[in-house]
Amino acid sequence: MAGPLQTEMESLLRTAFSPTRLEVVNDTASHHGHAGDDGSGESHFSVTIESTAFAGKSRLERQRMVNRALGDIPGERVHALAIKALAPGE
């Protein structure tokens, strides 16, 4: 079951990109006891997102787009975020 932060991330990404594929995975359990594990159960995430919005964009541009869409979540409310942003067909 998704926690409140994971649900918020999914909603923000759906609104910003209308993705054809979206997976937000809570990786926190595999980082238990490591740096950044704040005990909230929602400190480390992996995102795989596919959207036409990423067509023609570099990997860095895509990462920045996702981070912008998530607002204060990366770096402030989430310790670690791995992003795989794809255009359809990639």
N, C-alpha and C. Protein backbone atom coordinates (compact mmCIF):
# COMPACT_ATOMS: atom_id res chain seq x y z
N MET A 1 0.84 -1.19 0.00
CA MET A 1 0.00 0.00 0.00
C MET A 1 0.88 1.25 0.00
N ALA A 2 0.58 2.16 -0.86
CA ALA A 2 1.37 3.39 -0.99
C ALA A 2 1.12 4.32 0.19
N GLY A 3 2.21 4.93 0.65
CA GLY A 3 2.11 5.92 1.72
C GLY A 3 1.71 7.27 1.16
N PRO A 4 1.49 8.25 2.03
CA PRO A 4 1.03 9.57 1.57
C PRO A 4 2.02 10.28 0.66
N LEU A 5 3.30 10.16 0.92
CA LEU A 5 4.29 10.83 0.08
C LEU A 5 4.36 10.18 -1.30
N GLN A 6 4.33 8.86 -1.34
CA GLN A 6 4.33 8.15 -2.62
C GLN A 6 3.10 8.52 -3.44
N THR A 7 1.96 8.59 -2.80
CA THR A 7 0.71 8.97 -3.47
C THR A 7 0.79 10.39 -4.01
N GLU A 8 1.37 11.29 -3.23
CA GLU A 8 1.53 12.68 -3.68
C GLU A 8 2.46 12.75 -4.89
N MET A 9 3.56 12.00 -4.85
CA MET A 9 4.49 11.99 -5.98
C MET A 9 3.81 11.48 -7.25
N GLU A 10 3.06 10.40 -7.13
CA GLU A 10 2.34 9.85 -8.29
C GLU A 10 1.37 10.87 -8.86
N SER A 11 0.64 11.55 -8.00
CA SER A 11 -0.33 12.55 -8.45
C SER A 11 0.36 13.72 -9.17
N LEU A 12 1.45 14.22 -8.59
CA LEU A 12 2.17 15.34 -9.20
C LEU A 12 2.72 14.96 -10.57
N LEU A 13 3.28 13.75 -10.68
CA LEU A 13 3.86 13.31 -11.95
C LEU A 13 2.78 13.05 -13.00
N ARG A 14 1.64 12.50 -12.60
CA ARG A 14 0.54 12.29 -13.55
C ARG A 14 0.03 13.64 -14.08
N THR A 15 -0.10 14.60 -13.20
CA THR A 15 -0.59 15.92 -13.60
C THR A 15 0.39 16.62 -14.53
N ALA A 16 1.68 16.54 -14.22
CA ALA A 16 2.69 17.26 -14.99
C ALA A 16 2.98 16.62 -16.35
N PHE A 17 2.91 15.28 -16.44
CA PHE A 17 3.40 14.62 -17.64
C PHE A 17 2.41 13.72 -18.37
N SER A 18 1.24 13.47 -17.83
CA SER A 18 0.29 12.53 -18.44
C SER A 18 1.03 11.29 -18.96
N PRO A 19 1.74 10.60 -18.08
CA PRO A 19 2.60 9.50 -18.53
C PRO A 19 1.85 8.31 -19.10
N THR A 20 2.51 7.64 -20.04
CA THR A 20 1.98 6.38 -20.57
C THR A 20 2.40 5.23 -19.66
N ARG A 21 3.40 5.47 -18.84
CA ARG A 21 3.86 4.50 -17.85
C ARG A 21 4.41 5.27 -16.65
N LEU A 22 4.03 4.84 -15.46
CA LEU A 22 4.55 5.46 -14.24
C LEU A 22 4.68 4.42 -13.15
N GLU A 23 5.86 4.31 -12.60
CA GLU A 23 6.12 3.44 -11.47
C GLU A 23 6.88 4.25 -10.42
N VAL A 24 6.30 4.40 -9.26
CA VAL A 24 6.97 5.03 -8.14
C VAL A 24 7.13 3.94 -7.09
N VAL A 25 8.38 3.59 -6.81
CA VAL A 25 8.68 2.48 -5.92
C VAL A 25 9.35 3.00 -4.66
N ASN A 26 8.80 2.64 -3.52
CA ASN A 26 9.38 3.00 -2.25
C ASN A 26 10.50 2.01 -1.93
N ASP A 27 11.75 2.49 -1.97
CA ASP A 27 12.93 1.66 -1.72
C ASP A 27 13.45 1.80 -0.29
N THR A 28 12.71 2.47 0.56
CA THR A 28 13.19 2.80 1.90
C THR A 28 13.61 1.57 2.70
N ALA A 29 12.87 0.50 2.62
CA ALA A 29 13.18 -0.69 3.43
C ALA A 29 14.58 -1.22 3.15
N SER A 30 15.05 -1.10 1.92
CA SER A 30 16.38 -1.61 1.59
C SER A 30 17.49 -0.66 2.05
N HIS A 31 17.11 0.51 2.58
CA HIS A 31 18.09 1.47 3.08
C HIS A 31 17.97 1.67 4.59
N HIS A 32 17.24 0.80 5.26
CA HIS A 32 17.04 0.92 6.70
C HIS A 32 18.39 0.99 7.42
N GLY A 33 18.56 2.00 8.24
CA GLY A 33 19.79 2.18 9.00
C GLY A 33 20.87 2.94 8.26
N HIS A 34 20.68 3.24 6.98
CA HIS A 34 21.66 3.99 6.20
C HIS A 34 21.41 5.48 6.34
N ALA A 35 22.32 6.27 5.83
CA ALA A 35 22.17 7.72 5.84
C ALA A 35 20.87 8.12 5.15
N GLY A 36 20.19 9.04 5.75
CA GLY A 36 18.96 9.55 5.15
C GLY A 36 17.71 8.79 5.54
N ASP A 37 17.86 7.64 6.18
CA ASP A 37 16.68 6.90 6.65
C ASP A 37 16.16 7.61 7.89
N ASP A 38 15.11 8.37 7.73
CA ASP A 38 14.60 9.20 8.82
C ASP A 38 13.54 8.48 9.66
N GLY A 39 13.29 7.23 9.37
CA GLY A 39 12.31 6.47 10.14
C GLY A 39 10.88 6.66 9.68
N SER A 40 10.66 7.49 8.67
CA SER A 40 9.31 7.77 8.20
C SER A 40 8.75 6.63 7.34
N GLY A 41 9.64 5.80 6.83
CA GLY A 41 9.22 4.75 5.91
C GLY A 41 9.07 5.25 4.48
N GLU A 42 9.38 6.54 4.25
CA GLU A 42 9.29 7.12 2.91
C GLU A 42 10.44 8.10 2.68
N SER A 43 11.66 7.56 2.63
CA SER A 43 12.84 8.42 2.45
C SER A 43 13.62 8.14 1.17
N HIS A 44 13.41 6.99 0.56
CA HIS A 44 14.13 6.59 -0.65
C HIS A 44 13.14 6.06 -1.70
N PHE A 45 13.20 6.61 -2.91
CA PHE A 45 12.28 6.20 -3.97
C PHE A 45 12.99 6.04 -5.30
N SER A 46 12.40 5.21 -6.15
CA SER A 46 12.81 5.07 -7.55
C SER A 46 11.58 5.39 -8.40
N VAL A 47 11.79 6.18 -9.44
CA VAL A 47 10.70 6.55 -10.35
C VAL A 47 11.08 6.13 -11.76
N THR A 48 10.19 5.43 -12.42
CA THR A 48 10.29 5.17 -13.85
C THR A 48 9.07 5.81 -14.48
N ILE A 49 9.31 6.71 -15.41
CA ILE A 49 8.21 7.43 -16.04
C ILE A 49 8.45 7.53 -17.54
N GLU A 50 7.40 7.29 -18.30
CA GLU A 50 7.45 7.40 -19.76
C GLU A 50 6.41 8.42 -20.19
N SER A 51 6.84 9.41 -20.97
CA SER A 51 5.94 10.46 -21.41
C SER A 51 6.46 11.10 -22.69
N THR A 52 5.54 11.55 -23.51
CA THR A 52 5.92 12.27 -24.73
C THR A 52 6.63 13.58 -24.38
N ALA A 53 6.44 14.07 -23.18
CA ALA A 53 7.09 15.32 -22.75
C ALA A 53 8.61 15.20 -22.76
N PHE A 54 9.14 13.98 -22.71
CA PHE A 54 10.58 13.78 -22.66
C PHE A 54 11.22 13.59 -24.03
N ALA A 55 10.41 13.54 -25.07
CA ALA A 55 10.94 13.36 -26.43
C ALA A 55 11.87 14.52 -26.79
N GLY A 56 13.05 14.19 -27.30
CA GLY A 56 14.00 15.20 -27.72
C GLY A 56 14.77 15.87 -26.59
N LYS A 57 14.56 15.43 -25.37
CA LYS A 57 15.24 16.02 -24.21
C LYS A 57 16.41 15.14 -23.79
N SER A 58 17.45 15.77 -23.27
CA SER A 58 18.59 15.02 -22.75
C SER A 58 18.22 14.39 -21.40
N ARG A 59 19.04 13.45 -20.97
CA ARG A 59 18.81 12.80 -19.67
C ARG A 59 18.76 13.84 -18.56
N LEU A 60 19.67 14.80 -18.59
CA LEU A 60 19.71 15.85 -17.56
C LEU A 60 18.45 16.71 -17.60
N GLU A 61 18.01 17.09 -18.79
CA GLU A 61 16.78 17.89 -18.91
C GLU A 61 15.58 17.12 -18.34
N ARG A 62 15.52 15.84 -18.61
CA ARG A 62 14.41 15.01 -18.11
C ARG A 62 14.44 14.95 -16.58
N GLN A 63 15.63 14.76 -16.01
CA GLN A 63 15.77 14.70 -14.55
C GLN A 63 15.30 16.02 -13.93
N ARG A 64 15.71 17.11 -14.54
CA ARG A 64 15.32 18.43 -14.03
C ARG A 64 13.82 18.64 -14.13
N MET A 65 13.21 18.18 -15.20
CA MET A 65 11.76 18.30 -15.37
C MET A 65 11.02 17.55 -14.27
N VAL A 66 11.47 16.34 -13.99
CA VAL A 66 10.83 15.53 -12.95
C VAL A 66 11.03 16.19 -11.58
N ASN A 67 12.24 16.62 -11.29
CA ASN A 67 12.49 17.28 -10.01
C ASN A 67 11.64 18.54 -9.84
N ARG A 68 11.52 19.32 -10.92
CA ARG A 68 10.69 20.54 -10.87
C ARG A 68 9.24 20.19 -10.58
N ALA A 69 8.74 19.15 -11.23
CA ALA A 69 7.34 18.75 -11.04
C ALA A 69 7.08 18.29 -9.61
N LEU A 70 8.11 17.75 -8.96
CA LEU A 70 7.94 17.25 -7.59
C LEU A 70 8.16 18.33 -6.53
N GLY A 71 8.52 19.53 -6.94
CA GLY A 71 8.64 20.65 -6.02
C GLY A 71 9.65 20.42 -4.91
N ASP A 72 9.20 20.52 -3.65
CA ASP A 72 10.11 20.42 -2.51
C ASP A 72 10.36 18.98 -2.06
N ILE A 73 9.82 18.01 -2.77
CA ILE A 73 9.98 16.62 -2.34
C ILE A 73 11.43 16.15 -2.46
N PRO A 74 12.07 16.25 -3.64
CA PRO A 74 13.46 15.78 -3.73
C PRO A 74 14.40 16.68 -2.91
N GLY A 75 15.20 16.05 -2.07
CA GLY A 75 16.19 16.79 -1.31
C GLY A 75 15.69 17.39 -0.02
N GLU A 76 14.40 17.62 0.11
CA GLU A 76 13.86 18.18 1.34
C GLU A 76 12.99 17.18 2.09
N ARG A 77 12.09 16.53 1.38
CA ARG A 77 11.18 15.59 2.02
C ARG A 77 11.55 14.14 1.73
N VAL A 78 12.40 13.94 0.73
CA VAL A 78 12.89 12.61 0.36
C VAL A 78 14.41 12.70 0.29
N HIS A 79 15.08 11.75 0.91
CA HIS A 79 16.54 11.77 0.93
C HIS A 79 17.14 11.37 -0.42
N ALA A 80 16.58 10.34 -1.04
CA ALA A 80 17.14 9.84 -2.30
C ALA A 80 16.04 9.54 -3.30
N LEU A 81 16.28 9.94 -4.55
CA LEU A 81 15.31 9.72 -5.61
C LEU A 81 16.06 9.33 -6.88
N ALA A 82 15.85 8.10 -7.33
CA ALA A 82 16.42 7.63 -8.59
C ALA A 82 15.36 7.81 -9.67
N ILE A 83 15.75 8.45 -10.77
CA ILE A 83 14.78 8.77 -11.83
C ILE A 83 15.21 8.14 -13.14
N LYS A 84 14.28 7.42 -13.75
CA LYS A 84 14.46 6.91 -15.11
C LYS A 84 13.30 7.49 -15.92
N ALA A 85 13.60 8.51 -16.72
CA ALA A 85 12.58 9.20 -17.51
C ALA A 85 12.79 8.88 -18.98
N LEU A 86 11.75 8.36 -19.62
CA LEU A 86 11.83 7.88 -21.00
C LEU A 86 10.77 8.52 -21.88
N ALA A 87 11.09 8.63 -23.15
CA ALA A 87 10.07 8.98 -24.16
C ALA A 87 9.50 7.67 -24.67
N PRO A 88 8.28 7.66 -25.17
CA PRO A 88 7.70 6.42 -25.70
C PRO A 88 8.61 5.78 -26.75
N GLY A 89 8.74 4.47 -26.67
CA GLY A 89 9.56 3.75 -27.62
C GLY A 89 11.01 3.57 -27.22
N GLU A 90 11.40 4.19 -26.13
CA GLU A 90 12.79 4.04 -25.66
C GLU A 90 12.93 2.85 -24.75
